[in-house]
Amino acid sequence: MEVSQAIPPEFTAAVEAFLDRMTVEQGASPWTVAAYRRELRRFAEFLAKSGRGSFEVPDATPILRFLATLKLRAPSTRARALVAIRMMYRFLLAERMVAVDPSASITTPRPWRKLPEVLTPSEAARIVERPVTAAKGSLRNRAILEVLYATGIRASEAAHLTLDRVSFETATMRVLGKRSKERLVILGDRAAAALEEYLESERPLLDRGASEGRLFLSRNGRPLAREDLWRIVKQAARAAHLPLSRVSPHKLRHSFATHLLQGGADLRSVQQMLGHADIATTQIYTHVDSARLKRVHEKFHPRA
């Protein structure tokens, strides 16, 4: 490996010993090893330019100063640099190559999260309110679009729905989510009506005995795959004259959550409907709404 001349051999030896341990004992991927090597080389160069000849430092100050030099980089990148430094110091301490672990008192910065793009309520309506035609699969497609937007379920969850999980009496569905956790979702009147019409008028014509009890079937009678649902949503976006890059099953999910919160739903209820284990995951949708309010304020308020 080519190493900058600014890095003394003591740094190089410590970094490579740590990375060898990661590779051999922890099975780290080549990508992870390369990323950690890059961050640790930067840290080593910083220490060397500060007059130090090894990773032995008395406290966390040099680490914090190094992280401050990364302020223009993404928080996720800074977090990765700190994780690499922290893991290396734990290794060096265990191997008695340093006397103290100066990174132990530093908290990991929260990664930056991109706000999800959402459709407006009118755009979502243009997607799901497709006119039913005589074409085979038209009722099914309308039911799929209504269900995705009305419930916020994932495409993979919709693809695996079975007949026994739908209750028209209560207008609900039992959805099997990540880690096989089951949750109850509300269909709503329009989605329930579209789904019931599909089940009564079209699904019997599609079912050829190979349905495995699945709710949504292809034209040859087999269960639809997740990719099929993506194709159906993209076709609906094209018919609604919306950019394909702005529409997907997951963006319908984002729109479902955002529109609920805009309408006054509480965060805990939205968390349960989305199937999020941690409410912090759901809280990103409150930022979407606040971003919209900020844009409205900047556009219309005379003193903005």
Protein backbone atom coordinates (compact mmCIF):
# COMPACT_ATOMS: atom_id res chain seq x y z
CA MET A 1 0.00 0.00 0.00
CA GLU A 2 1.26 3.43 -0.92
CA VAL A 3 1.41 5.65 2.15
CA SER A 4 1.91 9.39 2.40
CA GLN A 5 5.44 10.41 3.42
CA ALA A 6 3.86 12.48 6.20
CA ILE A 7 2.92 9.32 8.08
CA PRO A 8 5.68 7.77 10.26
CA PRO A 9 6.04 3.96 10.15
CA GLU A 10 4.58 3.64 13.67
CA PHE A 11 1.22 4.88 12.38
CA THR A 12 1.25 2.61 9.35
CA ALA A 13 2.07 -0.46 11.44
CA ALA A 14 -0.73 0.26 13.92
CA VAL A 15 -3.33 0.85 11.19
CA GLU A 16 -2.42 -2.29 9.24
CA ALA A 17 -2.40 -4.43 12.39
CA PHE A 18 -5.90 -3.19 13.21
CA LEU A 19 -7.18 -3.74 9.66
CA ASP A 20 -5.69 -7.24 9.58
CA ARG A 21 -7.63 -8.05 12.74
CA MET A 22 -10.84 -6.69 11.17
CA THR A 23 -10.33 -8.79 8.06
CA VAL A 24 -9.31 -12.06 9.68
CA GLU A 25 -11.36 -12.15 12.88
CA GLN A 26 -14.38 -9.98 12.04
CA GLY A 27 -14.71 -10.80 8.35
CA ALA A 28 -14.87 -7.15 7.34
CA SER A 29 -15.57 -6.56 3.65
CA PRO A 30 -12.86 -5.12 1.38
CA TRP A 31 -15.00 -1.97 1.01
CA THR A 32 -15.15 -1.46 4.79
CA VAL A 33 -11.41 -2.08 5.17
CA ALA A 34 -10.63 0.40 2.39
CA ALA A 35 -12.93 3.04 3.90
CA TYR A 36 -11.42 2.62 7.37
CA ARG A 37 -7.90 2.74 5.98
CA ARG A 38 -8.68 6.00 4.23
CA GLU A 39 -10.10 7.63 7.38
CA LEU A 40 -7.29 6.37 9.61
CA ARG A 41 -4.64 7.60 7.18
CA ARG A 42 -6.21 11.06 7.30
CA PHE A 43 -6.18 10.94 11.09
CA ALA A 44 -2.58 9.74 11.16
CA GLU A 45 -1.50 12.53 8.82
CA PHE A 46 -3.26 15.04 11.06
CA LEU A 47 -1.44 13.74 14.15
CA ALA A 48 1.90 13.65 12.34
CA LYS A 49 1.51 17.26 11.20
CA SER A 50 0.71 18.14 14.82
CA GLY A 51 4.12 16.79 15.86
CA ARG A 52 3.07 13.38 17.18
CA GLY A 53 4.89 10.20 16.27
CA SER A 54 2.22 7.65 17.19
CA PHE A 55 -1.46 7.25 18.11
CA GLU A 56 -0.60 7.68 21.79
CA VAL A 57 -2.45 10.85 22.90
CA PRO A 58 -3.37 11.92 26.46
CA ASP A 59 -7.04 12.78 25.83
CA ALA A 60 -9.74 13.27 23.21
CA THR A 61 -8.63 16.76 22.17
CA PRO A 62 -6.59 15.71 19.08
CA ILE A 63 -9.47 13.53 17.88
CA LEU A 64 -11.99 16.35 18.26
CA ARG A 65 -9.68 18.73 16.43
CA PHE A 66 -9.35 16.22 13.61
CA LEU A 67 -13.13 15.79 13.40
CA ALA A 68 -13.47 19.57 13.24
CA THR A 69 -11.40 19.54 10.03
CA LEU A 70 -14.10 17.34 8.50
CA LYS A 71 -16.92 19.82 9.18
CA LEU A 72 -17.56 20.36 5.46
CA ARG A 73 -18.07 16.67 4.88
CA ALA A 74 -21.40 14.87 5.40
CA PRO A 75 -22.24 13.96 9.03
CA SER A 76 -22.42 10.30 7.99
CA THR A 77 -18.81 10.51 6.77
CA ARG A 78 -17.68 12.17 9.99
CA ALA A 79 -19.50 9.49 11.94
CA ARG A 80 -17.69 6.77 9.97
CA ALA A 81 -14.33 8.43 10.66
CA LEU A 82 -15.07 8.47 14.39
CA VAL A 83 -16.21 4.83 14.35
CA ALA A 84 -12.97 3.82 12.64
CA ILE A 85 -10.90 5.77 15.16
CA ARG A 86 -12.85 4.39 18.12
CA MET A 87 -12.55 0.78 16.93
CA MET A 88 -8.85 1.17 16.28
CA TYR A 89 -8.19 2.60 19.75
CA ARG A 90 -10.07 -0.30 21.35
CA PHE A 91 -7.78 -2.64 19.43
CA LEU A 92 -4.65 -0.68 20.37
CA LEU A 93 -5.68 -0.64 24.04
CA ALA A 94 -6.34 -4.39 24.04
CA GLU A 95 -2.94 -4.97 22.45
CA ARG A 96 -1.31 -2.58 24.95
CA MET A 97 -0.07 -0.38 22.13
CA VAL A 98 -1.59 2.65 23.92
CA ALA A 99 -2.13 3.28 27.62
CA VAL A 100 -5.61 4.89 27.35
CA ASP A 101 -8.48 5.01 24.88
CA PRO A 102 -9.00 8.75 24.25
CA SER A 103 -12.04 8.15 22.02
CA ALA A 104 -14.20 6.58 24.75
CA SER A 105 -15.69 9.91 25.85
CA ILE A 106 -16.75 11.07 22.37
CA THR A 107 -20.34 10.54 21.23
CA THR A 108 -21.06 9.54 17.64
CA PRO A 109 -22.73 12.32 15.63
CA ARG A 110 -26.17 11.50 14.28
CA PRO A 111 -26.09 10.68 10.56
CA TRP A 112 -27.78 13.12 8.24
CA ARG A 113 -31.00 11.75 6.77
CA LYS A 114 -32.39 12.90 3.46
CA LEU A 115 -36.00 14.00 3.64
CA PRO A 116 -38.21 11.69 1.58
CA GLU A 117 -39.83 13.21 -1.48
CA VAL A 118 -43.62 13.12 -1.33
CA LEU A 119 -46.49 13.68 -3.72
CA THR A 120 -49.12 16.33 -3.09
CA PRO A 121 -52.59 14.98 -2.22
CA SER A 122 -53.84 15.93 -5.70
CA GLU A 123 -50.91 14.14 -7.36
CA ALA A 124 -51.53 11.03 -5.27
CA ALA A 125 -55.19 11.15 -6.32
CA ARG A 126 -54.18 11.30 -9.98
CA ILE A 127 -52.12 8.15 -9.44
CA VAL A 128 -54.70 6.02 -7.64
CA GLU A 129 -57.89 7.18 -9.37
CA ARG A 130 -57.12 5.46 -12.64
CA PRO A 131 -60.21 4.83 -14.79
CA VAL A 132 -61.16 1.17 -14.94
CA THR A 133 -61.09 -0.25 -18.47
CA ALA A 134 -61.98 -3.55 -20.07
CA ALA A 135 -58.30 -4.53 -20.13
CA LYS A 136 -57.38 -7.60 -18.13
CA GLY A 137 -55.83 -6.54 -14.83
CA SER A 138 -57.42 -3.08 -14.78
CA LEU A 139 -59.44 -3.71 -11.60
CA ARG A 140 -56.42 -5.33 -9.97
CA ASN A 141 -54.18 -2.36 -10.76
CA ARG A 142 -56.73 0.10 -9.38
CA ALA A 143 -57.02 -1.98 -6.19
CA ILE A 144 -53.23 -2.15 -5.79
CA LEU A 145 -52.83 1.62 -6.16
CA GLU A 146 -55.67 2.36 -3.74
CA VAL A 147 -54.29 -0.09 -1.16
CA LEU A 148 -50.70 1.20 -1.37
CA TYR A 149 -51.72 4.82 -0.83
CA ALA A 150 -54.49 4.09 1.71
CA THR A 151 -52.34 1.90 3.97
CA GLY A 152 -48.71 2.93 3.38
CA ILE A 153 -47.61 -0.69 3.15
CA ARG A 154 -44.43 -1.62 1.30
CA ALA A 155 -44.54 -3.17 -2.17
CA SER A 156 -43.07 -6.40 -0.78
CA GLU A 157 -45.78 -6.50 1.90
CA ALA A 158 -48.52 -5.98 -0.68
CA ALA A 159 -47.09 -8.71 -2.90
CA HIS A 160 -47.23 -11.22 -0.03
CA LEU A 161 -50.78 -10.42 1.11
CA THR A 162 -53.09 -13.42 1.22
CA LEU A 163 -56.87 -13.62 1.04
CA ASP A 164 -57.23 -14.68 4.67
CA ARG A 165 -55.58 -11.48 5.87
CA VAL A 166 -58.29 -9.18 4.51
CA SER A 167 -61.43 -8.33 6.50
CA PHE A 168 -64.12 -6.31 4.74
CA GLU A 169 -66.23 -6.41 7.88
CA THR A 170 -63.71 -4.21 9.67
CA ALA A 171 -62.05 -2.75 6.51
CA THR A 172 -58.64 -3.87 7.74
CA MET A 173 -55.72 -6.05 6.65
CA ARG A 174 -53.16 -7.98 8.66
CA VAL A 175 -49.78 -7.23 7.11
CA LEU A 176 -46.62 -9.25 7.65
CA GLY A 177 -43.76 -6.75 7.79
CA LYS A 178 -40.04 -6.83 8.42
CA ARG A 179 -38.74 -9.56 10.74
CA SER A 180 -42.14 -11.29 10.29
CA LYS A 181 -43.86 -8.78 12.58
CA GLU A 182 -47.60 -8.58 11.97
CA ARG A 183 -49.55 -5.33 12.15
CA LEU A 184 -53.10 -4.21 11.44
CA VAL A 185 -53.67 -1.55 8.78
CA ILE A 186 -56.84 0.34 7.92
CA LEU A 187 -58.09 0.11 4.35
CA GLY A 188 -60.49 3.02 4.25
CA ASP A 189 -63.70 3.09 2.22
CA ARG A 190 -62.24 3.73 -1.23
CA ALA A 191 -59.50 1.12 -0.99
CA ALA A 192 -61.89 -1.43 0.48
CA ALA A 193 -64.39 -0.82 -2.34
CA ALA A 194 -61.71 -1.12 -5.04
CA LEU A 195 -60.33 -4.28 -3.46
CA GLU A 196 -63.76 -5.86 -3.07
CA GLU A 197 -64.64 -5.15 -6.70
CA TYR A 198 -61.35 -6.76 -7.83
CA LEU A 199 -61.96 -9.84 -5.68
CA GLU A 200 -65.51 -10.29 -6.91
CA SER A 201 -65.13 -9.46 -10.60
CA GLU A 202 -61.56 -10.07 -11.71
CA ARG A 203 -59.52 -12.25 -9.39
CA PRO A 204 -61.66 -15.37 -10.05
CA LEU A 205 -60.82 -14.96 -13.75
CA LEU A 206 -57.09 -14.68 -12.99
CA ASP A 207 -56.87 -17.60 -10.55
CA ARG A 208 -55.80 -20.78 -12.33
CA GLY A 209 -54.97 -22.83 -9.28
CA ALA A 210 -51.41 -21.57 -8.76
CA SER A 211 -52.24 -18.51 -6.65
CA GLU A 212 -50.95 -19.90 -3.31
CA GLY A 213 -53.78 -17.89 -1.74
CA ARG A 214 -52.15 -14.59 -2.67
CA LEU A 215 -54.31 -11.53 -3.03
CA PHE A 216 -52.83 -9.98 -6.17
CA LEU A 217 -52.32 -12.23 -9.19
CA SER A 218 -50.68 -11.82 -12.57
CA ARG A 219 -52.47 -12.40 -15.87
CA ASN A 220 -51.21 -15.99 -15.91
CA GLY A 221 -52.62 -16.61 -12.41
CA ARG A 222 -49.38 -16.53 -10.44
CA PRO A 223 -48.69 -14.24 -7.45
CA LEU A 224 -47.40 -10.80 -8.37
CA ALA A 225 -43.81 -10.08 -7.38
CA ARG A 226 -42.59 -6.85 -5.79
CA GLU A 227 -41.15 -5.80 -9.15
CA ASP A 228 -44.58 -6.19 -10.76
CA LEU A 229 -46.07 -3.73 -8.29
CA TRP A 230 -43.32 -1.22 -9.09
CA ARG A 231 -44.13 -1.58 -12.80
CA ILE A 232 -47.85 -1.00 -12.16
CA VAL A 233 -47.11 2.15 -10.14
CA LYS A 234 -44.77 3.47 -12.84
CA GLN A 235 -47.43 2.87 -15.49
CA ALA A 236 -49.92 4.83 -13.38
CA ALA A 237 -47.43 7.69 -13.05
CA ARG A 238 -46.97 7.77 -16.80
CA ALA A 239 -50.75 7.83 -17.34
CA ALA A 240 -51.04 10.67 -14.80
CA HIS A 241 -48.31 12.63 -16.65
CA LEU A 242 -46.07 12.73 -13.58
CA PRO A 243 -42.26 12.33 -13.73
CA LEU A 244 -41.40 8.66 -13.22
CA SER A 245 -38.54 9.65 -10.90
CA ARG A 246 -41.06 11.12 -8.45
CA VAL A 247 -43.35 8.10 -8.23
CA SER A 248 -42.77 4.66 -6.75
CA PRO A 249 -44.49 2.38 -4.21
CA HIS A 250 -42.19 3.71 -1.50
CA LYS A 251 -42.99 7.33 -2.39
CA LEU A 252 -46.66 6.48 -2.07
CA ARG A 253 -45.74 5.18 1.41
CA HIS A 254 -43.95 8.44 2.22
CA SER A 255 -46.92 10.42 0.93
CA PHE A 256 -49.35 8.35 3.00
CA ALA A 257 -47.45 9.14 6.21
CA THR A 258 -46.92 12.81 5.44
CA HIS A 259 -50.55 13.42 4.45
CA LEU A 260 -51.77 11.74 7.63
CA LEU A 261 -49.62 14.00 9.79
CA GLN A 262 -50.65 17.06 7.80
CA GLY A 263 -54.25 16.10 8.46
CA GLY A 264 -53.67 15.99 12.22
CA ALA A 265 -52.83 12.31 12.90
CA ASP A 266 -50.62 11.68 15.92
CA LEU A 267 -47.09 10.37 15.39
CA ARG A 268 -47.59 7.18 17.41
CA SER A 269 -50.54 6.08 15.27
CA VAL A 270 -48.59 6.70 12.07
CA GLN A 271 -45.67 4.73 13.52
CA GLN A 272 -47.95 1.75 14.13
CA MET A 273 -49.49 1.93 10.66
CA LEU A 274 -46.07 2.06 8.99
CA GLY A 275 -44.72 -0.75 11.13
CA HIS A 276 -41.71 1.21 12.41
CA ALA A 277 -40.07 -0.36 15.45
CA ASP A 278 -38.63 2.99 16.55
CA ILE A 279 -40.68 6.18 16.55
CA ALA A 280 -37.52 8.09 15.65
CA THR A 281 -37.82 6.56 12.17
CA THR A 282 -41.33 7.98 11.84
CA GLN A 283 -40.31 11.44 13.05
CA ILE A 284 -38.64 12.22 9.73
CA TYR A 285 -42.12 12.78 8.31
CA THR A 286 -42.70 15.65 10.71
CA HIS A 287 -39.64 17.33 9.17
CA VAL A 288 -41.18 16.95 5.73
CA ASP A 289 -44.25 18.85 6.91
CA SER A 290 -42.20 21.58 8.61
CA ALA A 291 -40.17 21.99 5.43
CA ARG A 292 -43.41 22.55 3.50
CA LEU A 293 -44.57 25.14 6.04
CA LYS A 294 -41.23 26.93 5.75
CA ARG A 295 -41.57 27.15 1.98
CA VAL A 296 -45.12 28.50 2.28
CA HIS A 297 -43.98 31.07 4.87
CA GLU A 298 -41.07 32.23 2.72
CA LYS A 299 -43.33 32.55 -0.32
CA PHE A 300 -46.28 34.37 1.20
CA HIS A 301 -45.24 36.16 4.42
CA PRO A 302 -44.37 39.84 3.82
CA ARG A 303 -41.56 39.76 6.39
CA ALA A 304 -40.10 36.36 5.48
